[in-house]
C-alpha atoms as a PDB file:
ATOM      1  CA  MET A   1      36.571  23.318  68.294  1.00  0.00           C
ATOM      2  CA  ILE A   2      36.124  19.542  68.274  1.00  0.00           C
ATOM      3  CA  ALA A   3      34.902  18.373  64.890  1.00  0.00           C
ATOM      4  CA  LEU A   4      33.756  14.826  64.054  1.00  0.00           C
ATOM      5  CA  ASP A   5      33.447  13.451  60.588  1.00  0.00           C
ATOM      6  CA  TRP A   6      30.959  10.537  61.575  1.00  0.00           C
ATOM      7  CA  GLY A   7      30.290   8.191  58.887  1.00  0.00           C
ATOM      8  CA  THR A   8      28.520   4.852  58.526  1.00  0.00           C
ATOM      9  CA  THR A   9      31.392   2.606  59.500  1.00  0.00           C
ATOM     10  CA  ARG A  10      34.073   5.004  60.895  1.00  0.00           C
ATOM     11  CA  ALA A  11      34.514   8.028  62.884  1.00  0.00           C
ATOM     12  CA  ARG A  12      37.306  10.755  62.882  1.00  0.00           C
ATOM     13  CA  ALA A  13      37.628  13.295  65.425  1.00  0.00           C
ATOM     14  CA  PHE A  14      39.783  16.414  65.267  1.00  0.00           C
ATOM     15  CA  LEU A  15      40.703  19.013  67.879  1.00  0.00           C
ATOM     16  CA  ILE A  16      41.237  22.229  66.002  1.00  0.00           C
ATOM     17  CA  SER A  17      42.787  25.500  67.199  1.00  0.00           C
ATOM     18  CA  GLU A  18      41.205  28.889  66.583  1.00  0.00           C
ATOM     19  CA  SER A  19      43.759  29.403  63.787  1.00  0.00           C
ATOM     20  CA  GLY A  20      42.774  26.070  62.098  1.00  0.00           C
ATOM     21  CA  GLU A  21      45.651  23.953  63.210  1.00  0.00           C
ATOM     22  CA  VAL A  22      44.881  20.283  63.993  1.00  0.00           C
ATOM     23  CA  LEU A  23      45.918  19.656  67.537  1.00  0.00           C
ATOM     24  CA  GLU A  24      44.861  16.041  67.915  1.00  0.00           C
ATOM     25  CA  ARG A  25      43.261  13.427  65.784  1.00  0.00           C
ATOM     26  CA  ARG A  26      41.277  10.176  66.779  1.00  0.00           C
ATOM     27  CA  SER A  27      39.980   7.421  64.523  1.00  0.00           C
ATOM     28  CA  ALA A  28      37.631   4.602  65.404  1.00  0.00           C
ATOM     29  CA  ASP A  29      35.675   1.928  63.947  1.00  0.00           C
ATOM     30  CA  GLN A  30      32.392   3.421  65.574  1.00  0.00           C
ATOM     31  CA  GLY A  31      30.391   4.270  62.668  1.00  0.00           C
ATOM     32  CA  ILE A  32      26.659   5.023  63.127  1.00  0.00           C
ATOM     33  CA  GLN A  33      25.699   1.484  62.141  1.00  0.00           C
ATOM     34  CA  SER A  34      27.491   0.233  65.320  1.00  0.00           C
ATOM     35  CA  VAL A  35      25.709   2.667  67.669  1.00  0.00           C
ATOM     36  CA  PRO A  36      22.564   1.230  69.348  1.00  0.00           C
ATOM     37  CA  PRO A  37      19.450   3.488  69.696  1.00  0.00           C
ATOM     38  CA  GLY A  38      20.136   6.226  72.312  1.00  0.00           C
ATOM     39  CA  GLY A  39      23.790   5.251  72.260  1.00  0.00           C
ATOM     40  CA  PHE A  40      25.147   8.430  70.591  1.00  0.00           C
ATOM     41  CA  PRO A  41      26.195  10.434  73.576  1.00  0.00           C
ATOM     42  CA  ALA A  42      28.062   7.434  74.946  1.00  0.00           C
ATOM     43  CA  ALA A  43      29.595   6.819  71.628  1.00  0.00           C
ATOM     44  CA  PHE A  44      30.742  10.363  71.152  1.00  0.00           C
ATOM     45  CA  ASP A  45      32.483  10.094  74.757  1.00  0.00           C
ATOM     46  CA  ALA A  46      34.177   6.895  73.566  1.00  0.00           C
ATOM     47  CA  ILE A  47      35.506   8.582  70.452  1.00  0.00           C
ATOM     48  CA  ALA A  48      36.322  12.111  71.578  1.00  0.00           C
ATOM     49  CA  GLY A  49      35.611  12.262  75.184  1.00  0.00           C
ATOM     50  CA  ASP A  50      39.256  12.728  76.170  1.00  0.00           C
ATOM     51  CA  LEU A  51      39.472  15.678  73.697  1.00  0.00           C
ATOM     52  CA  ARG A  52      36.263  17.050  75.363  1.00  0.00           C
ATOM     53  CA  ARG A  53      37.790  16.796  78.851  1.00  0.00           C
ATOM     54  CA  ALA A  54      41.052  18.235  77.817  1.00  0.00           C
ATOM     55  CA  SER A  55      39.280  21.218  76.051  1.00  0.00           C
ATOM     56  CA  PRO A  56      35.917  21.705  77.897  1.00  0.00           C
ATOM     57  CA  ASP A  57      35.156  25.071  76.226  1.00  0.00           C
ATOM     58  CA  ALA A  58      35.459  23.827  72.706  1.00  0.00           C
ATOM     59  CA  ALA A  59      32.620  23.951  70.414  1.00  0.00           C
ATOM     60  CA  ILE A  60      31.366  20.705  69.001  1.00  0.00           C
ATOM     61  CA  VAL A  61      30.420  20.207  65.397  1.00  0.00           C
ATOM     62  CA  LEU A  62      29.393  16.763  63.836  1.00  0.00           C
ATOM     63  CA  ALA A  63      29.289  16.084  60.210  1.00  0.00           C
ATOM     64  CA  GLY A  64      28.495  13.300  57.978  1.00  0.00           C
ATOM     65  CA  MET A  65      25.902  10.190  58.482  1.00  0.00           C
ATOM     66  CA  VAL A  66      25.465  11.103  62.206  1.00  0.00           C
ATOM     67  CA  GLY A  67      22.858  13.470  60.877  1.00  0.00           C
ATOM     68  CA  SER A  68      20.942  10.833  58.684  1.00  0.00           C
ATOM     69  CA  ARG A  69      17.614   9.167  59.468  1.00  0.00           C
ATOM     70  CA  ASN A  70      19.639   6.381  61.170  1.00  0.00           C
ATOM     71  CA  GLY A  71      21.837   8.705  62.944  1.00  0.00           C
ATOM     72  CA  TRP A  72      21.692  10.697  66.177  1.00  0.00           C
ATOM     73  CA  ILE A  73      19.066  12.973  64.889  1.00  0.00           C
ATOM     74  CA  GLU A  74      17.851  13.609  61.347  1.00  0.00           C
ATOM     75  CA  ALA A  75      19.276  16.841  60.033  1.00  0.00           C
ATOM     76  CA  HIS A  76      17.062  17.534  57.025  1.00  0.00           C
ATOM     77  CA  TYR A  77      18.684  17.974  53.601  1.00  0.00           C
ATOM     78  CA  VAL A  78      19.059  21.524  52.257  1.00  0.00           C
ATOM     79  CA  ALA A  79      17.941  21.786  48.773  1.00  0.00           C
ATOM     80  CA  CYS A  80      20.351  23.091  46.050  1.00  0.00           C
ATOM     81  CA  PRO A  81      21.296  25.626  45.356  1.00  0.00           C
ATOM     82  CA  ALA A  82      22.628  26.070  48.691  1.00  0.00           C
ATOM     83  CA  SER A  83      25.276  28.427  50.218  1.00  0.00           C
ATOM     84  CA  PRO A  84      27.488  27.745  53.198  1.00  0.00           C
ATOM     85  CA  GLU A  85      25.320  30.081  55.256  1.00  0.00           C
ATOM     86  CA  GLU A  86      22.006  28.324  54.267  1.00  0.00           C
ATOM     87  CA  ILE A  87      23.672  24.852  54.994  1.00  0.00           C
ATOM     88  CA  ALA A  88      24.849  26.165  58.508  1.00  0.00           C
ATOM     89  CA  ALA A  89      21.593  27.508  59.290  1.00  0.00           C
ATOM     90  CA  ALA A  90      19.916  24.080  59.110  1.00  0.00           C
ATOM     91  CA  GLY A  91      22.107  22.514  61.557  1.00  0.00           C
ATOM     92  CA  MET A  92      20.478  20.659  64.458  1.00  0.00           C
ATOM     93  CA  LYS A  93      21.378  20.778  68.140  1.00  0.00           C
ATOM     94  CA  VAL A  94      21.801  17.660  70.297  1.00  0.00           C
ATOM     95  CA  THR A  95      23.079  17.246  73.790  1.00  0.00           C
ATOM     96  CA  LEU A  96      26.054  15.369  74.925  1.00  0.00           C
ATOM     97  CA  ALA A  97      26.297  13.231  77.982  1.00  0.00           C
ATOM     98  CA  ASP A  98      27.549  15.849  80.225  1.00  0.00           C
ATOM     99  CA  GLY A  99      24.602  18.054  79.048  1.00  0.00           C
ATOM    100  CA  SER A 100      26.554  20.389  76.711  1.00  0.00           C
ATOM    101  CA  PRO A 101      25.270  21.235  73.225  1.00  0.00           C
ATOM    102  CA  ALA A 102      26.720  19.975  69.910  1.00  0.00           C
ATOM    103  CA  THR A 103      25.635  20.978  66.329  1.00  0.00           C
ATOM    104  CA  ILE A 104      24.967  18.413  63.769  1.00  0.00           C
ATOM    105  CA  LEU A 105      25.368  19.688  60.076  1.00  0.00           C
ATOM    106  CA  PRO A 106      22.821  18.749  57.300  1.00  0.00           C
ATOM    107  CA  GLY A 107      23.158  17.199  54.116  1.00  0.00           C
ATOM    108  CA  LEU A 108      22.323  18.458  50.655  1.00  0.00           C
ATOM    109  CA  SER A 109      19.542  17.342  48.079  1.00  0.00           C
ATOM    110  CA  CYS A 110      19.414  17.921  44.322  1.00  0.00           C
ATOM    111  CA  ASP A 111      16.450  17.562  42.098  1.00  0.00           C
ATOM    112  CA  GLU A 112      17.778  17.789  38.617  1.00  0.00           C
ATOM    113  CA  GLY A 113      15.953  15.097  36.724  1.00  0.00           C
ATOM    114  CA  ALA A 114      16.594  12.506  39.553  1.00  0.00           C
ATOM    115  CA  PHE A 115      16.504  13.359  43.074  1.00  0.00           C
ATOM    116  CA  ASP A 116      19.901  12.957  44.602  1.00  0.00           C
ATOM    117  CA  VAL A 117      21.548  13.302  48.261  1.00  0.00           C
ATOM    118  CA  MET A 118      24.848  13.826  49.940  1.00  0.00           C
ATOM    119  CA  ARG A 119      25.816  13.831  53.586  1.00  0.00           C
ATOM    120  CA  GLY A 120      29.230  14.840  54.683  1.00  0.00           C
ATOM    121  CA  GLU A 121      30.696  15.707  51.292  1.00  0.00           C
ATOM    122  CA  GLU A 122      29.152  19.080  51.333  1.00  0.00           C
ATOM    123  CA  THR A 123      31.309  20.095  54.261  1.00  0.00           C
ATOM    124  CA  LEU A 124      34.462  19.305  52.119  1.00  0.00           C
ATOM    125  CA  ILE A 125      33.070  21.149  48.966  1.00  0.00           C
ATOM    126  CA  VAL A 126      32.552  24.323  51.330  1.00  0.00           C
ATOM    127  CA  GLY A 127      36.140  23.719  52.527  1.00  0.00           C
ATOM    128  CA  LEU A 128      37.492  24.403  48.991  1.00  0.00           C
ATOM    129  CA  ARG A 129      36.016  27.987  49.188  1.00  0.00           C
ATOM    130  CA  LEU A 130      35.355  28.073  45.551  1.00  0.00           C
ATOM    131  CA  ALA A 131      33.552  31.076  43.869  1.00  0.00           C
ATOM    132  CA  ASP A 132      32.837  28.977  40.721  1.00  0.00           C
ATOM    133  CA  GLY A 133      33.953  25.505  39.673  1.00  0.00           C
ATOM    134  CA  ILE A 134      33.645  21.958  39.631  1.00  0.00           C
ATOM    135  CA  ALA A 135      34.619  19.659  42.569  1.00  0.00           C
ATOM    136  CA  CYS A 136      34.949  15.799  42.486  1.00  0.00           C
ATOM    137  CA  LEU A 137      35.030  13.652  45.633  1.00  0.00           C
ATOM    138  CA  PRO A 138      35.863   9.956  44.807  1.00  0.00           C
ATOM    139  CA  GLY A 139      34.618   7.176  46.825  1.00  0.00           C
ATOM    140  CA  THR A 140      32.311   4.363  47.098  1.00  0.00           C
ATOM    141  CA  HIS A 141      29.643   6.630  45.852  1.00  0.00           C
ATOM    142  CA  SER A 142      31.484   9.601  44.282  1.00  0.00           C
ATOM    143  CA  LYS A 143      30.182  12.954  44.177  1.00  0.00           C
ATOM    144  CA  TRP A 144      30.477  15.783  41.502  1.00  0.00           C
ATOM    145  CA  ALA A 145      29.354  19.287  42.240  1.00  0.00           C
ATOM    146  CA  ARG A 146      29.157  22.453  40.430  1.00  0.00           C
ATOM    147  CA  ILE A 147      29.615  25.685  42.481  1.00  0.00           C
ATOM    148  CA  GLU A 148      28.518  28.930  41.057  1.00  0.00           C
ATOM    149  CA  GLY A 149      28.699  32.376  42.927  1.00  0.00           C
ATOM    150  CA  GLY A 150      29.849  30.551  46.012  1.00  0.00           C
ATOM    151  CA  ARG A 151      26.712  28.288  46.097  1.00  0.00           C
ATOM    152  CA  ILE A 152      26.506  24.609  45.489  1.00  0.00           C
ATOM    153  CA  THR A 153      23.995  24.716  42.573  1.00  0.00           C
ATOM    154  CA  ARG A 154      23.883  21.128  41.378  1.00  0.00           C
ATOM    155  CA  PHE A 155      25.569  17.673  42.107  1.00  0.00           C
ATOM    156  CA  ALA A 156      25.460  14.243  41.000  1.00  0.00           C
ATOM    157  CA  SER A 157      26.450  10.800  42.493  1.00  0.00           C
ATOM    158  CA  PHE A 158      28.161   8.024  40.950  1.00  0.00           C
ATOM    159  CA  MET A 159      28.359   4.372  42.443  1.00  0.00           C
ATOM    160  CA  THR A 160      31.845   3.838  41.020  1.00  0.00           C
ATOM    161  CA  GLY A 161      33.563   2.243  44.027  1.00  0.00           C
ATOM    162  CA  GLU A 162      30.521  -0.051  44.799  1.00  0.00           C
ATOM    163  CA  ILE A 163      30.195  -1.263  41.158  1.00  0.00           C
ATOM    164  CA  TYR A 164      33.893  -1.931  40.957  1.00  0.00           C
ATOM    165  CA  GLY A 165      33.599  -4.102  43.982  1.00  0.00           C
ATOM    166  CA  LEU A 166      30.659  -6.079  42.606  1.00  0.00           C
ATOM    167  CA  LEU A 167      32.469  -6.521  39.055  1.00  0.00           C
ATOM    168  CA  ARG A 168      35.852  -7.402  40.702  1.00  0.00           C
ATOM    169  CA  GLN A 169      34.693  -9.764  43.465  1.00  0.00           C
ATOM    170  CA  HIS A 170      31.302 -11.268  42.422  1.00  0.00           C
ATOM    171  CA  SER A 171      30.910 -11.313  38.563  1.00  0.00           C
ATOM    172  CA  ILE A 172      32.217 -13.520  35.766  1.00  0.00           C
ATOM    173  CA  LEU A 173      34.713 -10.798  35.021  1.00  0.00           C
ATOM    174  CA  SER A 174      36.565 -11.800  38.275  1.00  0.00           C
ATOM    175  CA  ARG A 175      37.230 -15.535  37.239  1.00  0.00           C
ATOM    176  CA  LEU A 176      40.289 -14.747  35.316  1.00  0.00           C
ATOM    177  CA  ALA A 177      41.596 -11.849  37.531  1.00  0.00           C
ATOM    178  CA  GLN A 178      44.949 -12.113  39.281  1.00  0.00           C
ATOM    179  CA  GLU A 179      46.601  -9.825  41.591  1.00  0.00           C
ATOM    180  CA  PRO A 180      48.733  -7.153  39.791  1.00  0.00           C
ATOM    181  CA  SER A 181      52.484  -7.750  39.317  1.00  0.00           C
ATOM    182  CA  GLY A 182      55.095  -5.849  37.290  1.00  0.00           C
ATOM    183  CA  ASP A 183      53.588  -3.653  34.754  1.00  0.00           C
ATOM    184  CA  ASP A 184      50.198  -5.011  35.179  1.00  0.00           C
ATOM    185  CA  ALA A 185      48.689  -2.049  36.776  1.00  0.00           C
ATOM    186  CA  ALA A 186      50.067   0.387  34.377  1.00  0.00           C
ATOM    187  CA  ARG A 187      48.855  -1.757  31.410  1.00  0.00           C
ATOM    188  CA  GLY A 188      45.387  -2.060  32.927  1.00  0.00           C
ATOM    189  CA  THR A 189      44.948   1.433  33.716  1.00  0.00           C
ATOM    190  CA  ALA A 190      46.114   2.579  30.195  1.00  0.00           C
ATOM    191  CA  ASP A 191      43.796  -0.084  28.536  1.00  0.00           C
ATOM    192  CA  GLY A 192      40.877   0.787  30.588  1.00  0.00           C
ATOM    193  CA  LEU A 193      40.986   4.467  30.096  1.00  0.00           C
ATOM    194  CA  ALA A 194      41.339   3.868  26.146  1.00  0.00           C
ATOM    195  CA  ALA A 195      38.340   1.628  26.481  1.00  0.00           C
ATOM    196  CA  ALA A 196      36.330   4.287  28.133  1.00  0.00           C
ATOM    197  CA  ALA A 197      36.796   6.476  25.113  1.00  0.00           C
ATOM    198  CA  ARG A 198      35.503   3.995  22.744  1.00  0.00           C
ATOM    199  CA  PRO A 199      31.919   3.573  21.682  1.00  0.00           C
ATOM    200  CA  GLY A 200      29.882   0.858  23.024  1.00  0.00           C
ATOM    201  CA  GLY A 201      29.325   2.000  26.516  1.00  0.00           C
ATOM    202  CA  LEU A 202      30.309   0.430  29.795  1.00  0.00           C
ATOM    203  CA  LEU A 203      28.258  -2.756  29.566  1.00  0.00           C
ATOM    204  CA  ASN A 204      30.268  -3.645  26.244  1.00  0.00           C
ATOM    205  CA  THR A 205      33.756  -2.508  27.269  1.00  0.00           C
ATOM    206  CA  ALA A 206      33.515  -3.957  30.733  1.00  0.00           C
ATOM    207  CA  PHE A 207      33.360  -7.484  29.161  1.00  0.00           C
ATOM    208  CA  ALA A 208      36.655  -6.924  27.597  1.00  0.00           C
ATOM    209  CA  SER A 209      38.407  -7.452  30.791  1.00  0.00           C
ATOM    210  CA  ARG A 210      37.517 -11.128  30.436  1.00  0.00           C
ATOM    211  CA  SER A 211      37.608 -11.612  26.641  1.00  0.00           C
ATOM    212  CA  GLU A 212      41.027  -9.892  26.177  1.00  0.00           C
ATOM    213  CA  VAL A 213      42.538 -12.142  28.748  1.00  0.00           C
ATOM    214  CA  LEU A 214      41.110 -15.194  26.888  1.00  0.00           C
ATOM    215  CA  ALA A 215      42.615 -13.854  23.779  1.00  0.00           C
ATOM    216  CA  GLY A 216      45.983 -13.560  25.449  1.00  0.00           C
ATOM    217  CA  ARG A 217      46.188  -9.905  24.877  1.00  0.00           C
ATOM    218  CA  LEU A 218      45.513  -8.719  28.564  1.00  0.00           C
ATOM    219  CA  PRO A 219      47.365 -10.302  31.544  1.00  0.00           C
ATOM    220  CA  GLY A 220      45.039 -11.604  34.489  1.00  0.00           C
ATOM    221  CA  GLY A 221      46.927  -9.101  36.813  1.00  0.00           C
ATOM    222  CA  ALA A 222      45.568  -6.158  34.648  1.00  0.00           C
ATOM    223  CA  VAL A 223      41.813  -6.916  35.096  1.00  0.00           C
ATOM    224  CA  GLY A 224      41.423  -5.058  38.372  1.00  0.00           C
ATOM    225  CA  PRO A 225      43.210  -2.049  37.124  1.00  0.00           C
ATOM    226  CA  TYR A 226      41.431  -2.130  33.771  1.00  0.00           C
ATOM    227  CA  LEU A 227      38.017  -2.158  35.344  1.00  0.00           C
ATOM    228  CA  SER A 228      38.911   0.674  37.726  1.00  0.00           C
ATOM    229  CA  ALA A 229      40.325   2.987  35.044  1.00  0.00           C
ATOM    230  CA  LEU A 230      37.218   1.914  32.876  1.00  0.00           C
ATOM    231  CA  LEU A 231      34.719   2.867  35.548  1.00  0.00           C
ATOM    232  CA  VAL A 232      36.449   6.201  36.481  1.00  0.00           C
ATOM    233  CA  GLY A 233      36.710   7.203  32.841  1.00  0.00           C
ATOM    234  CA  HIS A 234      33.071   6.610  32.339  1.00  0.00           C
ATOM    235  CA  GLU A 235      32.395   8.676  35.678  1.00  0.00           C
ATOM    236  CA  VAL A 236      34.361  11.451  34.401  1.00  0.00           C
ATOM    237  CA  ALA A 237      32.386  11.354  30.944  1.00  0.00           C
ATOM    238  CA  GLY A 238      29.099  11.208  32.841  1.00  0.00           C
ATOM    239  CA  ALA A 239      30.002  14.133  35.218  1.00  0.00           C
ATOM    240  CA  GLN A 240      30.715  16.314  32.276  1.00  0.00           C
ATOM    241  CA  ALA A 241      27.552  15.390  30.560  1.00  0.00           C
ATOM    242  CA  LEU A 242      25.440  16.305  33.619  1.00  0.00           C
ATOM    243  CA  LEU A 243      27.470  19.330  35.012  1.00  0.00           C
ATOM    244  CA  GLY A 244      29.154  20.770  31.969  1.00  0.00           C
ATOM    245  CA  ARG A 245      32.572  20.599  30.600  1.00  0.00           C
ATOM    246  CA  SER A 246      35.220  22.316  32.719  1.00  0.00           C
ATOM    247  CA  ASP A 247      38.932  22.764  31.994  1.00  0.00           C
ATOM    248  CA  THR A 248      39.919  22.187  35.710  1.00  0.00           C
ATOM    249  CA  VAL A 249      38.334  20.119  38.353  1.00  0.00           C
ATOM    250  CA  HIS A 250      38.956  20.531  42.012  1.00  0.00           C
ATOM    251  CA  LEU A 251      39.780  16.979  43.218  1.00  0.00           C
ATOM    252  CA  VAL A 252      39.304  16.013  46.831  1.00  0.00           C
ATOM    253  CA  ALA A 253      41.344  12.845  47.290  1.00  0.00           C
ATOM    254  CA  ASP A 254      44.594  11.318  48.411  1.00  0.00           C
ATOM    255  CA  GLY A 255      46.604   8.112  47.797  1.00  0.00           C
ATOM    256  CA  ALA A 256      45.189   5.821  45.134  1.00  0.00           C
ATOM    257  CA  LEU A 257      42.244   7.683  44.328  1.00  0.00           C
ATOM    258  CA  ALA A 258      44.163  10.871  43.811  1.00  0.00           C
ATOM    259  CA  GLN A 259      46.336   9.038  41.261  1.00  0.00           C
ATOM    260  CA  SER A 260      43.452   7.009  39.585  1.00  0.00           C
ATOM    261  CA  TYR A 261      41.100  10.118  39.211  1.00  0.00           C
ATOM    262  CA  GLY A 262      44.118  12.356  38.293  1.00  0.00           C
ATOM    263  CA  ALA A 263      45.050   9.916  35.391  1.00  0.00           C
ATOM    264  CA  ALA A 264      41.419   9.742  34.235  1.00  0.00           C
ATOM    265  CA  LEU A 265      41.050  13.559  34.240  1.00  0.00           C
ATOM    266  CA  ALA A 266      44.278  13.860  32.489  1.00  0.00           C
ATOM    267  CA  ALA A 267      43.288  11.489  29.690  1.00  0.00           C
ATOM    268  CA  ALA A 268      40.104  13.613  29.280  1.00  0.00           C
ATOM    269  CA  GLY A 269      42.179  16.853  28.854  1.00  0.00           C
ATOM    270  CA  ILE A 270      41.095  18.088  32.319  1.00  0.00           C
ATOM    271  CA  ALA A 271      43.558  19.666  34.748  1.00  0.00           C
ATOM    272  CA  ALA A 272      43.113  18.726  38.410  1.00  0.00           C
ATOM    273  CA  THR A 273      43.847  20.678  41.551  1.00  0.00           C
ATOM    274  CA  LEU A 274      44.388  18.465  44.610  1.00  0.00           C
ATOM    275  CA  THR A 275      43.018  18.879  48.158  1.00  0.00           C
ATOM    276  CA  THR A 276      43.205  16.156  50.665  1.00  0.00           C
ATOM    277  CA  PRO A 277      39.862  15.032  52.291  1.00  0.00           C
ATOM    278  CA  GLU A 278      41.274  16.051  55.800  1.00  0.00           C
ATOM    279  CA  ALA A 279      42.103  19.502  54.763  1.00  0.00           C
ATOM    280  CA  ALA A 280      38.928  20.173  52.974  1.00  0.00           C
ATOM    281  CA  PHE A 281      37.042  18.889  55.896  1.00  0.00           C
ATOM    282  CA  ILE A 282      38.712  20.911  58.475  1.00  0.00           C
ATOM    283  CA  ALA A 283      38.503  24.258  56.266  1.00  0.00           C
ATOM    284  CA  GLY A 284      34.709  23.263  55.581  1.00  0.00           C
ATOM    285  CA  VAL A 285      33.730  22.508  59.150  1.00  0.00           C
ATOM    286  CA  ARG A 286      35.440  25.683  60.489  1.00  0.00           C
ATOM    287  CA  ARG A 287      33.697  27.886  57.729  1.00  0.00           C
ATOM    288  CA  LEU A 288      30.215  26.425  58.646  1.00  0.00           C
ATOM    289  CA  PHE A 289      30.784  26.748  62.375  1.00  0.00           C
ATOM    290  CA  GLU A 290      31.689  30.486  61.869  1.00  0.00           C
ATOM    291  CA  SER A 291      28.396  30.729  60.076  1.00  0.00           C
ATOM    292  CA  VAL A 292      26.528  28.966  62.837  1.00  0.00           C
ATOM    293  CA  SER A 293      28.126  31.386  65.293  1.00  0.00           C
ATOM    294  CA  ALA A 294      27.497  34.537  63.407  1.00  0.00           C
END
């Protein structure tokens, strides 16, 4: 099969064998926001056309923002609680430039106090193959989900990455910030996680990234790591408040995000099992495709 993780700014394509091995990968700065109306068949050909020509019998499955209102076609949200089979059944068919079909997977919605949505992350959660548990998918808009009996029963979004960018680049807190050097990152992370556990909330403890520098107690290079750890620490606490306490969280991340969230979970006394986003996506899209084909 050929699977695309097609987001707002980027697209990643994979040629996957029947046994689940990734045979080829493609990555392009051709997210849906760069595709003109009616241009998705041509965009698919530019991103993965060579994979299609090399494997003309491969099934095509598309996930992510390509199924949004601004995408190729709107694949309507499936309401939680939702099983992999229910998600797969809501997939939408589109036609490629050569006339062959492709399936666009839908997103999920959740209405628990506040209406929430995800698109693309559900595929990664399905790829974890959890019967019961809590999953965390860090990012610009992090997602936390509870899985019960193999169904995604509830999830919540956190604007952690976006808020970090705003505070670090466009707020008064950025004025004294410097690039980390030496032990600044470790110092800022430790102080930020400790601050997240203090009373006063985020609006109070965020200001300390400025006032502690003014007092000479925090180096300017620790401001960014402090804010990052502070925000992630509050995210972890917020997720527990909404979804319930769990001794283990299934973390879908790699690189710096894996380290950052692993440290915040450890500080909260929570163990983390780690799966890379690519591994979760491949497993999830295969499982959903199997349901589509059944």
